[in-house]
């Protein structure tokens, strides 16, 4: 009976529609769904940095404007689905089976 939440997880931005991006999107959706499946809310790490060459690009939403950064427009809805969709057909296994 100890409250837990998953905080500051993420995956560096990848170029949209590449194999790496598909894995990034899958990982973040799976992580969110797994947290939800076990009753834990989660908080994405968003440092506001767009894709760079140093790997520290964890920007999904522009903190000044609220606009998506890069492929955040696909990542954030996938994570929200993982946390919010409780339909019987959307399970941790169904997310796992959709891996790229």
N, C-alpha and C. Protein backbone atom coordinates (compact mmCIF):
# COMPACT_ATOMS: atom_id res chain seq x y z
N UNK A 1 0.81 -1.21 0.00
CA UNK A 1 0.00 0.00 0.00
C UNK A 1 0.85 1.27 0.00
N UNK A 2 1.90 1.27 -0.78
CA UNK A 2 2.75 2.44 -0.91
C UNK A 2 2.49 3.09 -2.26
N UNK A 3 2.12 4.37 -2.31
CA UNK A 3 1.86 5.03 -3.59
C UNK A 3 3.15 5.16 -4.41
N UNK A 4 3.05 4.90 -5.69
CA UNK A 4 4.20 4.97 -6.59
C UNK A 4 3.76 5.64 -7.89
N UNK A 5 4.62 6.45 -8.46
CA UNK A 5 4.40 6.93 -9.82
C UNK A 5 5.72 6.86 -10.55
N UNK A 6 5.65 6.66 -11.86
CA UNK A 6 6.84 6.56 -12.69
C UNK A 6 7.15 7.97 -13.19
N UNK A 7 8.33 8.46 -12.90
CA UNK A 7 8.65 9.83 -13.24
C UNK A 7 9.93 9.91 -14.06
N UNK A 8 9.97 10.91 -14.90
CA UNK A 8 11.14 11.26 -15.67
C UNK A 8 11.67 10.11 -16.51
N UNK A 9 10.79 9.47 -17.26
CA UNK A 9 11.22 8.50 -18.25
C UNK A 9 11.12 9.15 -19.62
N UNK A 10 11.79 8.60 -20.58
CA UNK A 10 11.71 9.16 -21.93
C UNK A 10 12.57 8.37 -22.88
N UNK A 11 12.65 8.89 -24.08
CA UNK A 11 13.44 8.27 -25.14
C UNK A 11 13.82 9.40 -26.09
N UNK A 12 15.08 9.55 -26.37
CA UNK A 12 15.53 10.65 -27.23
C UNK A 12 14.80 10.66 -28.56
N UNK A 13 14.50 11.87 -29.02
CA UNK A 13 13.80 12.05 -30.29
C UNK A 13 14.53 11.35 -31.43
N UNK A 14 13.75 10.80 -32.31
CA UNK A 14 14.28 10.15 -33.51
C UNK A 14 13.63 10.80 -34.73
N UNK A 15 14.27 10.66 -35.87
CA UNK A 15 13.72 11.20 -37.11
C UNK A 15 12.42 10.49 -37.44
N UNK A 16 11.39 11.27 -37.75
CA UNK A 16 10.05 10.75 -38.00
C UNK A 16 10.03 9.67 -39.07
N UNK A 17 9.29 8.63 -38.79
CA UNK A 17 8.99 7.53 -39.70
C UNK A 17 10.20 6.69 -40.08
N UNK A 18 11.18 6.61 -39.22
CA UNK A 18 12.31 5.71 -39.41
C UNK A 18 12.10 4.50 -38.50
N UNK A 19 12.92 3.49 -38.65
CA UNK A 19 12.81 2.32 -37.77
C UNK A 19 13.05 2.72 -36.32
N UNK A 20 14.00 3.64 -36.10
CA UNK A 20 14.29 4.09 -34.74
C UNK A 20 13.09 4.82 -34.15
N UNK A 21 12.40 5.66 -34.95
CA UNK A 21 11.23 6.38 -34.48
C UNK A 21 10.10 5.42 -34.13
N UNK A 22 9.91 4.40 -34.94
CA UNK A 22 8.86 3.41 -34.66
C UNK A 22 9.14 2.71 -33.33
N UNK A 23 10.41 2.44 -33.05
CA UNK A 23 10.78 1.82 -31.77
C UNK A 23 10.58 2.80 -30.62
N UNK A 24 10.91 4.06 -30.82
CA UNK A 24 10.71 5.09 -29.81
C UNK A 24 9.23 5.19 -29.45
N UNK A 25 8.37 5.28 -30.46
CA UNK A 25 6.93 5.40 -30.23
C UNK A 25 6.39 4.15 -29.52
N UNK A 26 6.82 2.99 -29.97
CA UNK A 26 6.39 1.73 -29.35
C UNK A 26 6.81 1.68 -27.88
N UNK A 27 8.07 2.00 -27.61
CA UNK A 27 8.58 1.95 -26.24
C UNK A 27 7.76 2.84 -25.31
N UNK A 28 7.51 4.08 -25.74
CA UNK A 28 6.81 5.02 -24.88
C UNK A 28 5.34 4.63 -24.69
N UNK A 29 4.70 4.09 -25.73
CA UNK A 29 3.33 3.62 -25.56
C UNK A 29 3.30 2.40 -24.64
N UNK A 30 4.23 1.47 -24.83
CA UNK A 30 4.27 0.27 -24.00
C UNK A 30 4.52 0.63 -22.53
N UNK A 31 5.47 1.51 -22.30
CA UNK A 31 5.80 1.93 -20.94
C UNK A 31 4.57 2.54 -20.28
N UNK A 32 3.88 3.41 -21.01
CA UNK A 32 2.67 4.05 -20.47
C UNK A 32 1.58 3.04 -20.19
N UNK A 33 1.38 2.10 -21.09
CA UNK A 33 0.35 1.08 -20.90
C UNK A 33 0.72 0.15 -19.73
N UNK A 34 1.99 -0.20 -19.62
CA UNK A 34 2.43 -1.06 -18.52
C UNK A 34 2.20 -0.36 -17.18
N UNK A 35 2.56 0.91 -17.11
CA UNK A 35 2.34 1.66 -15.87
C UNK A 35 0.86 1.67 -15.52
N UNK A 36 0.02 1.95 -16.51
CA UNK A 36 -1.43 1.97 -16.28
C UNK A 36 -1.94 0.60 -15.84
N UNK A 37 -1.45 -0.45 -16.49
CA UNK A 37 -1.89 -1.82 -16.19
C UNK A 37 -1.61 -2.20 -14.75
N UNK A 38 -0.56 -1.62 -14.18
CA UNK A 38 -0.20 -1.91 -12.80
C UNK A 38 -0.58 -0.79 -11.84
N UNK A 39 -1.47 0.11 -12.31
CA UNK A 39 -2.02 1.14 -11.44
C UNK A 39 -1.11 2.30 -11.11
N UNK A 40 -0.12 2.59 -11.99
CA UNK A 40 0.81 3.68 -11.72
C UNK A 40 0.68 4.79 -12.75
N UNK A 41 0.48 6.02 -12.32
CA UNK A 41 0.55 7.13 -13.26
C UNK A 41 2.01 7.35 -13.65
N UNK A 42 2.24 7.98 -14.78
CA UNK A 42 3.62 8.23 -15.18
C UNK A 42 3.77 9.64 -15.73
N UNK A 43 4.98 10.16 -15.66
CA UNK A 43 5.29 11.52 -16.08
C UNK A 43 6.49 11.45 -17.04
N UNK A 44 6.29 11.92 -18.26
CA UNK A 44 7.37 11.91 -19.26
C UNK A 44 8.41 12.98 -18.92
N UNK A 45 9.65 12.69 -19.21
CA UNK A 45 10.72 13.67 -19.06
C UNK A 45 10.74 14.48 -20.35
N UNK A 46 10.51 15.78 -20.26
CA UNK A 46 10.50 16.67 -21.42
C UNK A 46 11.42 17.83 -21.11
N UNK A 47 12.61 17.82 -21.74
CA UNK A 47 13.56 18.90 -21.47
C UNK A 47 13.45 20.03 -22.49
N UNK A 48 12.47 19.94 -23.39
CA UNK A 48 12.23 21.02 -24.35
C UNK A 48 13.23 21.09 -25.49
N UNK A 49 14.12 20.13 -25.59
CA UNK A 49 15.16 20.17 -26.62
C UNK A 49 14.72 19.39 -27.86
N UNK A 50 14.77 20.05 -29.02
CA UNK A 50 14.47 19.38 -30.29
C UNK A 50 15.62 18.44 -30.64
N UNK A 51 15.42 17.62 -31.65
CA UNK A 51 16.43 16.63 -32.03
C UNK A 51 17.78 17.28 -32.26
N UNK A 52 18.79 16.71 -31.63
CA UNK A 52 20.16 17.19 -31.77
C UNK A 52 21.06 15.99 -32.00
N UNK A 53 22.33 16.24 -32.21
CA UNK A 53 23.26 15.14 -32.45
C UNK A 53 23.81 14.55 -31.16
N UNK A 54 23.57 15.19 -30.01
CA UNK A 54 24.18 14.70 -28.77
C UNK A 54 23.31 13.71 -28.01
N UNK A 55 22.10 13.42 -28.48
CA UNK A 55 21.27 12.40 -27.85
C UNK A 55 20.45 12.86 -26.68
N UNK A 56 20.52 14.13 -26.31
CA UNK A 56 19.76 14.63 -25.16
C UNK A 56 18.49 15.35 -25.61
N UNK A 57 17.87 14.87 -26.65
CA UNK A 57 16.67 15.51 -27.20
C UNK A 57 15.42 14.86 -26.64
N UNK A 58 14.95 15.37 -25.52
CA UNK A 58 13.75 14.86 -24.87
C UNK A 58 12.64 15.91 -24.93
N UNK A 59 12.56 16.66 -26.02
CA UNK A 59 11.53 17.67 -26.19
C UNK A 59 10.35 17.11 -26.95
N UNK A 60 9.18 17.18 -26.36
CA UNK A 60 7.95 16.72 -27.00
C UNK A 60 6.97 17.86 -27.21
N UNK A 61 6.97 18.85 -26.29
CA UNK A 61 6.08 19.99 -26.36
C UNK A 61 6.90 21.26 -26.08
N UNK A 62 6.73 22.28 -26.92
CA UNK A 62 7.40 23.55 -26.71
C UNK A 62 6.82 24.18 -25.45
N UNK A 63 7.65 24.43 -24.47
CA UNK A 63 7.19 24.94 -23.17
C UNK A 63 6.68 26.36 -23.25
N UNK A 64 7.06 27.12 -24.28
CA UNK A 64 6.61 28.50 -24.41
C UNK A 64 5.30 28.64 -25.17
N UNK A 65 5.10 27.77 -26.18
CA UNK A 65 3.92 27.92 -27.04
C UNK A 65 2.89 26.80 -26.87
N UNK A 66 3.31 25.67 -26.35
CA UNK A 66 2.40 24.53 -26.24
C UNK A 66 2.33 23.69 -27.50
N UNK A 67 3.04 24.10 -28.55
CA UNK A 67 3.07 23.36 -29.81
C UNK A 67 3.95 22.12 -29.66
N UNK A 68 3.64 21.10 -30.42
CA UNK A 68 4.48 19.90 -30.41
C UNK A 68 5.84 20.20 -31.03
N UNK A 69 6.86 19.53 -30.52
CA UNK A 69 8.20 19.58 -31.08
C UNK A 69 8.41 18.30 -31.88
N UNK A 70 8.92 18.43 -33.09
CA UNK A 70 9.24 17.26 -33.91
C UNK A 70 8.09 16.29 -34.01
N UNK A 71 8.36 15.04 -33.63
CA UNK A 71 7.32 14.01 -33.74
C UNK A 71 6.50 13.86 -32.46
N UNK A 72 6.53 14.87 -31.61
CA UNK A 72 5.74 14.85 -30.39
C UNK A 72 4.25 14.70 -30.66
N UNK A 73 3.82 15.15 -31.84
CA UNK A 73 2.40 15.05 -32.19
C UNK A 73 1.95 13.61 -32.37
N UNK A 74 2.85 12.70 -32.55
CA UNK A 74 2.51 11.27 -32.62
C UNK A 74 2.85 10.56 -31.31
N UNK A 75 3.89 11.01 -30.63
CA UNK A 75 4.35 10.37 -29.40
C UNK A 75 3.37 10.62 -28.25
N UNK A 76 2.99 11.87 -28.03
CA UNK A 76 2.12 12.21 -26.89
C UNK A 76 0.78 11.49 -26.97
N UNK A 77 0.10 11.46 -28.13
CA UNK A 77 -1.16 10.71 -28.20
C UNK A 77 -0.99 9.21 -27.95
N UNK A 78 0.13 8.63 -28.39
CA UNK A 78 0.38 7.20 -28.14
C UNK A 78 0.53 6.94 -26.64
N UNK A 79 1.23 7.84 -25.95
CA UNK A 79 1.39 7.70 -24.51
C UNK A 79 0.07 7.92 -23.78
N UNK A 80 -0.70 8.92 -24.24
CA UNK A 80 -2.00 9.18 -23.63
C UNK A 80 -2.92 7.98 -23.80
N UNK A 81 -2.85 7.34 -24.96
CA UNK A 81 -3.64 6.13 -25.18
C UNK A 81 -3.24 5.06 -24.17
N UNK A 82 -1.95 4.88 -23.96
CA UNK A 82 -1.47 3.90 -22.99
C UNK A 82 -1.99 4.15 -21.59
N UNK A 83 -2.12 5.40 -21.22
CA UNK A 83 -2.60 5.76 -19.88
C UNK A 83 -4.12 5.78 -19.76
N UNK A 84 -4.82 6.05 -20.87
CA UNK A 84 -6.25 6.32 -20.77
C UNK A 84 -7.19 5.31 -21.41
N UNK A 85 -6.71 4.53 -22.37
CA UNK A 85 -7.60 3.61 -23.08
C UNK A 85 -7.78 2.33 -22.26
N UNK A 86 -8.97 2.11 -21.79
CA UNK A 86 -9.25 0.90 -21.00
C UNK A 86 -10.18 -0.06 -21.72
N UNK A 87 -10.25 0.07 -23.06
CA UNK A 87 -11.11 -0.83 -23.82
C UNK A 87 -10.56 -2.26 -23.73
N UNK A 88 -11.45 -3.26 -23.72
CA UNK A 88 -11.01 -4.65 -23.54
C UNK A 88 -10.01 -5.14 -24.59
N UNK A 89 -10.07 -4.59 -25.80
CA UNK A 89 -9.16 -5.06 -26.85
C UNK A 89 -7.77 -4.41 -26.77
N UNK A 90 -7.65 -3.33 -26.00
CA UNK A 90 -6.38 -2.64 -25.88
C UNK A 90 -5.71 -3.07 -24.58
N UNK A 91 -4.83 -4.04 -24.68
CA UNK A 91 -4.17 -4.63 -23.52
C UNK A 91 -2.66 -4.46 -23.65
N UNK A 92 -1.96 -4.75 -22.59
CA UNK A 92 -0.50 -4.73 -22.64
C UNK A 92 -0.02 -5.71 -23.70
N UNK A 93 -0.68 -6.86 -23.77
CA UNK A 93 -0.30 -7.84 -24.80
C UNK A 93 -0.54 -7.32 -26.20
N UNK A 94 -1.63 -6.61 -26.42
CA UNK A 94 -1.89 -6.08 -27.77
C UNK A 94 -0.85 -5.04 -28.16
N UNK A 95 -0.39 -4.24 -27.20
CA UNK A 95 0.66 -3.28 -27.48
C UNK A 95 1.97 -4.04 -27.79
N UNK A 96 2.26 -5.03 -26.97
CA UNK A 96 3.47 -5.85 -27.18
C UNK A 96 3.46 -6.49 -28.57
N UNK A 97 2.31 -6.99 -28.98
CA UNK A 97 2.20 -7.66 -30.27
C UNK A 97 2.29 -6.70 -31.45
N UNK A 98 2.19 -5.39 -31.19
CA UNK A 98 2.30 -4.42 -32.28
C UNK A 98 3.72 -3.88 -32.42
N UNK A 99 4.68 -4.47 -31.74
CA UNK A 99 6.07 -4.00 -31.79
C UNK A 99 6.58 -3.99 -33.22
N UNK A 100 7.36 -2.96 -33.55
CA UNK A 100 7.92 -2.88 -34.92
C UNK A 100 8.93 -3.99 -35.19
